[in-house]
Amino acid sequence: MLGYTNVKRKSVTYSVVEVGQQAILDLTVPKRLIKYLTRALHSPDESVLFILDGQLVGIQSAGSMHYHYANRMAGLIFVVLSVVAIPVFGLGLIMLRYSYKYLRRAGSGAVLAQRGARPV
């Protein structure tokens, strides 16, 4: 079961997601993975959700595994721009926080890719 949604430009945040006997609160799902999430929740087969910091990174269901692709090079460029922008009212520190989260998601996507997951 999927709870109430908060739709953003690239993601959707569900207030609750019930998978089997577990309830996950405030799960952010990239729009590219919504189709696979709804299929997994309606499927009688067992599904595995890969979650990092409250965001869905990948889904394994019915013998197939999919993950949200995040480009590491874009994250590294964002880190460099963040460091350059630190003297501008500390704006770079805020940007550095988001680039760190982005690189963590890209790294977890790379781990799922090594396991044979397909990028979405």
Foldseek 3Di string as FASTA:
>chain_A
DFADWDDDDFWIWTQWDDAPPDIDGGAIEGPVCPVVVVVQRPDPWHKDFDDDPRYTAWIDTPHAIEGEAADLVVLVVQLVVLVVCCVVVRSSVVSNVVSVVSNVSNVVNVVVVVVPHHYD
